[in-house]
Amino acid sequence: MWFTIVSEIRDIEPIALGSSVRVRLRLRKLYGGVRWLKLKGIAEVRLPNGTHRLAEVHWYQSHGIGRKEFKIKRFVKA
């Protein structure tokens, strides 16, 4: 991950559940787990140049495995 999440993730919403997650086979192969979710939320992130920005982040999550593969989708105006 090229950024660091500084605050708690808020306004968490599911984007895809179970078989709707397109990369579920790759996730199972890499991490294990059975039922994968793709989620999105808002968090404050620290970028490599040291600035802090509010961003919409997306990630995959499975019970017992945890949150994996965070990515910034867009920056949110504060």
PDB file of N, CA and C in Angstrom:
ATOM      1  N   MET A   1       0.851  -1.165   0.000  1.00  0.00           N
ATOM      2  CA  MET A   1       0.000   0.000   0.000  1.00  0.00           C
ATOM      3  C   MET A   1       0.900   1.233   0.000  1.00  0.00           C
ATOM      4  N   TRP A   2       0.682   2.127  -0.911  1.00  0.00           N
ATOM      5  CA  TRP A   2       1.547   3.296  -1.049  1.00  0.00           C
ATOM      6  C   TRP A   2       1.113   4.461  -0.178  1.00  0.00           C
ATOM      7  N   PHE A   3       0.059   4.276   0.605  1.00  0.00           N
ATOM      8  CA  PHE A   3      -0.426   5.311   1.514  1.00  0.00           C
ATOM      9  C   PHE A   3      -0.705   4.677   2.865  1.00  0.00           C
ATOM     10  N   THR A   4      -0.892   5.516   3.888  1.00  0.00           N
ATOM     11  CA  THR A   4      -1.186   5.021   5.234  1.00  0.00           C
ATOM     12  C   THR A   4      -2.537   5.564   5.675  1.00  0.00           C
ATOM     13  N   ILE A   5      -3.390   4.714   6.212  1.00  0.00           N
ATOM     14  CA  ILE A   5      -4.673   5.161   6.745  1.00  0.00           C
ATOM     15  C   ILE A   5      -4.428   5.689   8.147  1.00  0.00           C
ATOM     16  N   VAL A   6      -4.796   6.958   8.371  1.00  0.00           N
ATOM     17  CA  VAL A   6      -4.504   7.636   9.626  1.00  0.00           C
ATOM     18  C   VAL A   6      -5.691   7.571  10.583  1.00  0.00           C
ATOM     19  N   SER A   7      -6.905   7.694  10.073  1.00  0.00           N
ATOM     20  CA  SER A   7      -8.094   7.743  10.924  1.00  0.00           C
ATOM     21  C   SER A   7      -8.910   6.458  10.778  1.00  0.00           C
ATOM     22  N   GLU A   8      -9.973   6.385  11.547  1.00  0.00           N
ATOM     23  CA  GLU A   8     -10.911   5.279  11.413  1.00  0.00           C
ATOM     24  C   GLU A   8     -11.660   5.418  10.101  1.00  0.00           C
ATOM     25  N   ILE A   9     -12.022   4.315   9.495  1.00  0.00           N
ATOM     26  CA  ILE A   9     -12.813   4.352   8.262  1.00  0.00           C
ATOM     27  C   ILE A   9     -14.273   4.517   8.661  1.00  0.00           C
ATOM     28  N   ARG A  10     -14.941   5.495   8.055  1.00  0.00           N
ATOM     29  CA  ARG A  10     -16.345   5.754   8.402  1.00  0.00           C
ATOM     30  C   ARG A  10     -17.209   5.650   7.145  1.00  0.00           C
ATOM     31  N   ASP A  11     -18.506   5.662   7.329  1.00  0.00           N
ATOM     32  CA  ASP A  11     -19.472   5.554   6.225  1.00  0.00           C
ATOM     33  C   ASP A  11     -19.192   4.325   5.351  1.00  0.00           C
ATOM     34  N   ILE A  12     -18.995   3.184   5.996  1.00  0.00           N
ATOM     35  CA  ILE A  12     -18.666   1.947   5.274  1.00  0.00           C
ATOM     36  C   ILE A  12     -19.917   1.408   4.584  1.00  0.00           C
ATOM     37  N   GLU A  13     -19.770   1.098   3.289  1.00  0.00           N
ATOM     38  CA  GLU A  13     -20.865   0.540   2.496  1.00  0.00           C
ATOM     39  C   GLU A  13     -20.356  -0.645   1.691  1.00  0.00           C
ATOM     40  N   PRO A  14     -21.166  -1.695   1.561  1.00  0.00           N
ATOM     41  CA  PRO A  14     -20.757  -2.809   0.685  1.00  0.00           C
ATOM     42  C   PRO A  14     -20.954  -2.429  -0.777  1.00  0.00           C
ATOM     43  N   ILE A  15     -20.018  -2.832  -1.614  1.00  0.00           N
ATOM     44  CA  ILE A  15     -20.127  -2.631  -3.058  1.00  0.00           C
ATOM     45  C   ILE A  15     -20.526  -3.945  -3.707  1.00  0.00           C
ATOM     46  N   ALA A  16     -19.891  -5.046  -3.289  1.00  0.00           N
ATOM     47  CA  ALA A  16     -20.178  -6.364  -3.857  1.00  0.00           C
ATOM     48  C   ALA A  16     -20.054  -7.408  -2.754  1.00  0.00           C
ATOM     49  N   LEU A  17     -20.903  -8.432  -2.821  1.00  0.00           N
ATOM     50  CA  LEU A  17     -20.922  -9.496  -1.826  1.00  0.00           C
ATOM     51  C   LEU A  17     -20.837 -10.860  -2.508  1.00  0.00           C
ATOM     52  N   GLY A  18     -20.076 -11.764  -1.922  1.00  0.00           N
ATOM     53  CA  GLY A  18     -20.030 -13.151  -2.401  1.00  0.00           C
ATOM     54  C   GLY A  18     -19.640 -13.301  -3.854  1.00  0.00           C
ATOM     55  N   SER A  19     -20.527 -13.894  -4.646  1.00  0.00           N
ATOM     56  CA  SER A  19     -20.206 -14.182  -6.051  1.00  0.00           C
ATOM     57  C   SER A  19     -20.176 -12.920  -6.916  1.00  0.00           C
ATOM     58  N   SER A  20     -20.636 -11.787  -6.408  1.00  0.00           N
ATOM     59  CA  SER A  20     -20.582 -10.525  -7.151  1.00  0.00           C
ATOM     60  C   SER A  20     -19.183  -9.932  -7.186  1.00  0.00           C
ATOM     61  N   VAL A  21     -18.298 -10.386  -6.290  1.00  0.00           N
ATOM     62  CA  VAL A  21     -16.921  -9.902  -6.280  1.00  0.00           C
ATOM     63  C   VAL A  21     -16.198 -10.557  -7.456  1.00  0.00           C
ATOM     64  N   ARG A  22     -15.768  -9.740  -8.412  1.00  0.00           N
ATOM     65  CA  ARG A  22     -15.193 -10.273  -9.656  1.00  0.00           C
ATOM     66  C   ARG A  22     -13.898 -11.040  -9.449  1.00  0.00           C
ATOM     67  N   VAL A  23     -13.091 -10.630  -8.490  1.00  0.00           N
ATOM     68  CA  VAL A  23     -11.761 -11.237  -8.311  1.00  0.00           C
ATOM     69  C   VAL A  23     -11.746 -12.248  -7.162  1.00  0.00           C
ATOM     70  N   ARG A  24     -12.890 -12.800  -6.817  1.00  0.00           N
ATOM     71  CA  ARG A  24     -12.981 -13.693  -5.655  1.00  0.00           C
ATOM     72  C   ARG A  24     -12.089 -14.928  -5.773  1.00  0.00           C
ATOM     73  N   LEU A  25     -11.924 -15.460  -6.988  1.00  0.00           N
ATOM     74  CA  LEU A  25     -11.077 -16.644  -7.155  1.00  0.00           C
ATOM     75  C   LEU A  25      -9.613 -16.308  -6.867  1.00  0.00           C
ATOM     76  N   ARG A  26      -9.166 -15.150  -7.329  1.00  0.00           N
ATOM     77  CA  ARG A  26      -7.797 -14.714  -7.049  1.00  0.00           C
ATOM     78  C   ARG A  26      -7.601 -14.473  -5.556  1.00  0.00           C
ATOM     79  N   LEU A  27      -8.597 -13.868  -4.907  1.00  0.00           N
ATOM     80  CA  LEU A  27      -8.515 -13.611  -3.470  1.00  0.00           C
ATOM     81  C   LEU A  27      -8.448 -14.921  -2.686  1.00  0.00           C
ATOM     82  N   ARG A  28      -9.273 -15.896  -3.071  1.00  0.00           N
ATOM     83  CA  ARG A  28      -9.246 -17.204  -2.400  1.00  0.00           C
ATOM     84  C   ARG A  28      -7.897 -17.885  -2.557  1.00  0.00           C
ATOM     85  N   LYS A  29      -7.328 -17.778  -3.752  1.00  0.00           N
ATOM     86  CA  LYS A  29      -6.042 -18.410  -4.023  1.00  0.00           C
ATOM     87  C   LYS A  29      -4.925 -17.755  -3.206  1.00  0.00           C
ATOM     88  N   LEU A  30      -4.937 -16.423  -3.093  1.00  0.00           N
ATOM     89  CA  LEU A  30      -3.894 -15.698  -2.371  1.00  0.00           C
ATOM     90  C   LEU A  30      -4.031 -15.777  -0.853  1.00  0.00           C
ATOM     91  N   TYR A  31      -5.255 -15.552  -0.352  1.00  0.00           N
ATOM     92  CA  TYR A  31      -5.449 -15.386   1.088  1.00  0.00           C
ATOM     93  C   TYR A  31      -6.284 -16.474   1.746  1.00  0.00           C
ATOM     94  N   GLY A  32      -7.028 -17.250   0.979  1.00  0.00           N
ATOM     95  CA  GLY A  32      -7.964 -18.205   1.555  1.00  0.00           C
ATOM     96  C   GLY A  32      -9.309 -17.513   1.747  1.00  0.00           C
ATOM     97  N   GLY A  33     -10.079 -17.984   2.688  1.00  0.00           N
ATOM     98  CA  GLY A  33     -11.382 -17.364   2.925  1.00  0.00           C
ATOM     99  C   GLY A  33     -12.426 -17.901   1.967  1.00  0.00           C
ATOM    100  N   VAL A  34     -13.677 -17.746   2.351  1.00  0.00           N
ATOM    101  CA  VAL A  34     -14.761 -18.293   1.554  1.00  0.00           C
ATOM    102  C   VAL A  34     -15.625 -17.187   0.962  1.00  0.00           C
ATOM    103  N   ARG A  35     -16.170 -16.325   1.807  1.00  0.00           N
ATOM    104  CA  ARG A  35     -17.110 -15.299   1.364  1.00  0.00           C
ATOM    105  C   ARG A  35     -16.428 -13.940   1.403  1.00  0.00           C
ATOM    106  N   TRP A  36     -16.089 -13.411   0.249  1.00  0.00           N
ATOM    107  CA  TRP A  36     -15.405 -12.131   0.160  1.00  0.00           C
ATOM    108  C   TRP A  36     -16.400 -10.999  -0.065  1.00  0.00           C
ATOM    109  N   LEU A  37     -16.092  -9.845   0.499  1.00  0.00           N
ATOM    110  CA  LEU A  37     -16.884  -8.634   0.340  1.00  0.00           C
ATOM    111  C   LEU A  37     -15.987  -7.548  -0.224  1.00  0.00           C
ATOM    112  N   LYS A  38     -16.541  -6.701  -1.073  1.00  0.00           N
ATOM    113  CA  LYS A  38     -15.827  -5.498  -1.495  1.00  0.00           C
ATOM    114  C   LYS A  38     -16.544  -4.336  -0.825  1.00  0.00           C
ATOM    115  N   LEU A  39     -15.788  -3.516  -0.091  1.00  0.00           N
ATOM    116  CA  LEU A  39     -16.366  -2.434   0.695  1.00  0.00           C
ATOM    117  C   LEU A  39     -15.732  -1.105   0.340  1.00  0.00           C
ATOM    118  N   LYS A  40     -16.445  -0.024   0.664  1.00  0.00           N
ATOM    119  CA  LYS A  40     -15.885   1.307   0.498  1.00  0.00           C
ATOM    120  C   LYS A  40     -16.211   2.145   1.718  1.00  0.00           C
ATOM    121  N   GLY A  41     -15.367   3.142   1.983  1.00  0.00           N
ATOM    122  CA  GLY A  41     -15.573   4.033   3.111  1.00  0.00           C
ATOM    123  C   GLY A  41     -14.705   5.272   2.958  1.00  0.00           C
ATOM    124  N   ILE A  42     -14.872   6.200   3.898  1.00  0.00           N
ATOM    125  CA  ILE A  42     -14.133   7.455   3.898  1.00  0.00           C
ATOM    126  C   ILE A  42     -13.132   7.425   5.047  1.00  0.00           C
ATOM    127  N   ALA A  43     -11.878   7.816   4.761  1.00  0.00           N
ATOM    128  CA  ALA A  43     -10.837   7.838   5.799  1.00  0.00           C
ATOM    129  C   ALA A  43      -9.819   8.924   5.470  1.00  0.00           C
ATOM    130  N   GLU A  44      -9.132   9.385   6.502  1.00  0.00           N
ATOM    131  CA  GLU A  44      -8.025  10.305   6.295  1.00  0.00           C
ATOM    132  C   GLU A  44      -6.781   9.465   6.023  1.00  0.00           C
ATOM    133  N   VAL A  45      -6.055   9.806   4.961  1.00  0.00           N
ATOM    134  CA  VAL A  45      -4.870   9.052   4.576  1.00  0.00           C
ATOM    135  C   VAL A  45      -3.654   9.968   4.533  1.00  0.00           C
ATOM    136  N   ARG A  46      -2.478   9.384   4.790  1.00  0.00           N
ATOM    137  CA  ARG A  46      -1.216  10.117   4.668  1.00  0.00           C
ATOM    138  C   ARG A  46      -0.531   9.641   3.407  1.00  0.00           C
ATOM    139  N   LEU A  47      -0.212  10.568   2.530  1.00  0.00           N
ATOM    140  CA  LEU A  47       0.430  10.258   1.257  1.00  0.00           C
ATOM    141  C   LEU A  47       1.943  10.236   1.431  1.00  0.00           C
ATOM    142  N   PRO A  48       2.683   9.682   0.474  1.00  0.00           N
ATOM    143  CA  PRO A  48       4.144   9.581   0.594  1.00  0.00           C
ATOM    144  C   PRO A  48       4.858  10.919   0.801  1.00  0.00           C
ATOM    145  N   ASN A  49       4.271  12.019   0.306  1.00  0.00           N
ATOM    146  CA  ASN A  49       4.912  13.320   0.503  1.00  0.00           C
ATOM    147  C   ASN A  49       4.588  13.942   1.865  1.00  0.00           C
ATOM    148  N   GLY A  50       3.825  13.226   2.712  1.00  0.00           N
ATOM    149  CA  GLY A  50       3.536  13.669   4.068  1.00  0.00           C
ATOM    150  C   GLY A  50       2.224  14.407   4.246  1.00  0.00           C
ATOM    151  N   THR A  51       1.514  14.709   3.174  1.00  0.00           N
ATOM    152  CA  THR A  51       0.244  15.419   3.303  1.00  0.00           C
ATOM    153  C   THR A  51      -0.859  14.463   3.740  1.00  0.00           C
ATOM    154  N   HIS A  52      -1.841  15.016   4.430  1.00  0.00           N
ATOM    155  CA  HIS A  52      -3.009  14.265   4.876  1.00  0.00           C
ATOM    156  C   HIS A  52      -4.191  14.712   4.028  1.00  0.00           C
ATOM    157  N   ARG A  53      -4.947  13.746   3.491  1.00  0.00           N
ATOM    158  CA  ARG A  53      -6.114  14.038   2.661  1.00  0.00           C
ATOM    159  C   ARG A  53      -7.251  13.115   3.068  1.00  0.00           C
ATOM    160  N   LEU A  54      -8.468  13.584   2.868  1.00  0.00           N
ATOM    161  CA  LEU A  54      -9.653  12.768   3.068  1.00  0.00           C
ATOM    162  C   LEU A  54      -9.915  12.037   1.758  1.00  0.00           C
ATOM    163  N   ALA A  55     -10.070  10.719   1.807  1.00  0.00           N
ATOM    164  CA  ALA A  55     -10.192   9.935   0.579  1.00  0.00           C
ATOM    165  C   ALA A  55     -11.251   8.854   0.714  1.00  0.00           C
ATOM    166  N   GLU A  56     -11.817   8.477  -0.428  1.00  0.00           N
ATOM    167  CA  GLU A  56     -12.688   7.305  -0.487  1.00  0.00           C
ATOM    168  C   GLU A  56     -11.780   6.111  -0.762  1.00  0.00           C
ATOM    169  N   VAL A  57     -11.804   5.144   0.137  1.00  0.00           N
ATOM    170  CA  VAL A  57     -10.964   3.960  -0.012  1.00  0.00           C
ATOM    171  C   VAL A  57     -11.837   2.735  -0.256  1.00  0.00           C
ATOM    172  N   HIS A  58     -11.343   1.821  -1.074  1.00  0.00           N
ATOM    173  CA  HIS A  58     -12.009   0.552  -1.347  1.00  0.00           C
ATOM    174  C   HIS A  58     -11.090  -0.566  -0.895  1.00  0.00           C
ATOM    175  N   TRP A  59     -11.670  -1.686  -0.443  1.00  0.00           N
ATOM    176  CA  TRP A  59     -10.882  -2.839  -0.026  1.00  0.00           C
ATOM    177  C   TRP A  59     -11.734  -4.095  -0.070  1.00  0.00           C
ATOM    178  N   TYR A  60     -11.057  -5.238   0.047  1.00  0.00           N
ATOM    179  CA  TYR A  60     -11.727  -6.536   0.118  1.00  0.00           C
ATOM    180  C   TYR A  60     -11.608  -7.050   1.542  1.00  0.00           C
ATOM    181  N   GLN A  61     -12.629  -7.797   1.989  1.00  0.00           N
ATOM    182  CA  GLN A  61     -12.635  -8.292   3.360  1.00  0.00           C
ATOM    183  C   GLN A  61     -13.326  -9.645   3.410  1.00  0.00           C
ATOM    184  N   SER A  62     -12.787 -10.536   4.245  1.00  0.00           N
ATOM    185  CA  SER A  62     -13.400 -11.843   4.467  1.00  0.00           C
ATOM    186  C   SER A  62     -13.286 -12.174   5.954  1.00  0.00           C
ATOM    187  N   HIS A  63     -14.258 -12.888   6.472  1.00  0.00           N
ATOM    188  CA  HIS A  63     -14.258 -13.272   7.877  1.00  0.00           C
ATOM    189  C   HIS A  63     -13.064 -14.173   8.163  1.00  0.00           C
ATOM    190  N   GLY A  64     -12.312 -13.849   9.195  1.00  0.00           N
ATOM    191  CA  GLY A  64     -11.152 -14.636   9.574  1.00  0.00           C
ATOM    192  C   GLY A  64      -9.879 -14.257   8.829  1.00  0.00           C
ATOM    193  N   ILE A  65     -10.001 -13.528   7.743  1.00  0.00           N
ATOM    194  CA  ILE A  65      -8.851 -13.102   6.946  1.00  0.00           C
ATOM    195  C   ILE A  65      -8.555 -11.621   7.207  1.00  0.00           C
ATOM    196  N   GLY A  66      -9.600 -10.822   7.269  1.00  0.00           N
ATOM    197  CA  GLY A  66      -9.432  -9.394   7.516  1.00  0.00           C
ATOM    198  C   GLY A  66      -9.498  -8.564   6.247  1.00  0.00           C
ATOM    199  N   ARG A  67      -9.065  -7.319   6.360  1.00  0.00           N
ATOM    200  CA  ARG A  67      -9.103  -6.374   5.243  1.00  0.00           C
ATOM    201  C   ARG A  67      -7.839  -6.499   4.408  1.00  0.00           C
ATOM    202  N   LYS A  68      -8.011  -6.550   3.096  1.00  0.00           N
ATOM    203  CA  LYS A  68      -6.886  -6.719   2.174  1.00  0.00           C
ATOM    204  C   LYS A  68      -7.030  -5.767   0.994  1.00  0.00           C
ATOM    205  N   GLU A  69      -5.896  -5.402   0.410  1.00  0.00           N
ATOM    206  CA  GLU A  69      -5.796  -4.673  -0.851  1.00  0.00           C
ATOM    207  C   GLU A  69      -6.561  -3.352  -0.842  1.00  0.00           C
ATOM    208  N   PHE A  70      -6.164  -2.440   0.024  1.00  0.00           N
ATOM    209  CA  PHE A  70      -6.755  -1.106   0.061  1.00  0.00           C
ATOM    210  C   PHE A  70      -6.327  -0.316  -1.167  1.00  0.00           C
ATOM    211  N   LYS A  71      -7.226   0.524  -1.661  1.00  0.00           N
ATOM    212  CA  LYS A  71      -6.873   1.442  -2.739  1.00  0.00           C
ATOM    213  C   LYS A  71      -7.691   2.724  -2.601  1.00  0.00           C
ATOM    214  N   ILE A  72      -7.096   3.831  -3.007  1.00  0.00           N
ATOM    215  CA  ILE A  72      -7.777   5.118  -3.005  1.00  0.00           C
ATOM    216  C   ILE A  72      -8.510   5.240  -4.332  1.00  0.00           C
ATOM    217  N   LYS A  73      -9.801   5.515  -4.271  1.00  0.00           N
ATOM    218  CA  LYS A  73     -10.568   5.708  -5.492  1.00  0.00           C
ATOM    219  C   LYS A  73     -10.662   7.173  -5.867  1.00  0.00           C
ATOM    220  N   ARG A  74     -10.836   8.032  -4.862  1.00  0.00           N
ATOM    221  CA  ARG A  74     -10.876   9.477  -5.138  1.00  0.00           C
ATOM    222  C   ARG A  74     -10.645  10.218  -3.846  1.00  0.00           C
ATOM    223  N   PHE A  75     -10.242  11.481  -3.986  1.00  0.00           N
ATOM    224  CA  PHE A  75     -10.081  12.343  -2.833  1.00  0.00           C
ATOM    225  C   PHE A  75     -11.366  13.115  -2.626  1.00  0.00           C
ATOM    226  N   VAL A  76     -11.757  13.300  -1.363  1.00  0.00           N
ATOM    227  CA  VAL A  76     -13.008  13.951  -1.013  1.00  0.00           C
ATOM    228  C   VAL A  76     -12.693  15.349  -0.511  1.00  0.00           C
ATOM    229  N   LYS A  77     -13.472  16.305  -0.930  1.00  0.00           N
ATOM    230  CA  LYS A  77     -13.289  17.669  -0.440  1.00  0.00           C
ATOM    231  C   LYS A  77     -13.790  17.745   0.994  1.00  0.00           C
ATOM    232  N   ALA A  78     -13.005  18.326   1.876  1.00  0.00           N
ATOM    233  CA  ALA A  78     -13.390  18.423   3.290  1.00  0.00           C
ATOM    234  C   ALA A  78     -14.172  19.673   3.567  1.00  0.00           C
TER     235      ALA A  78
END
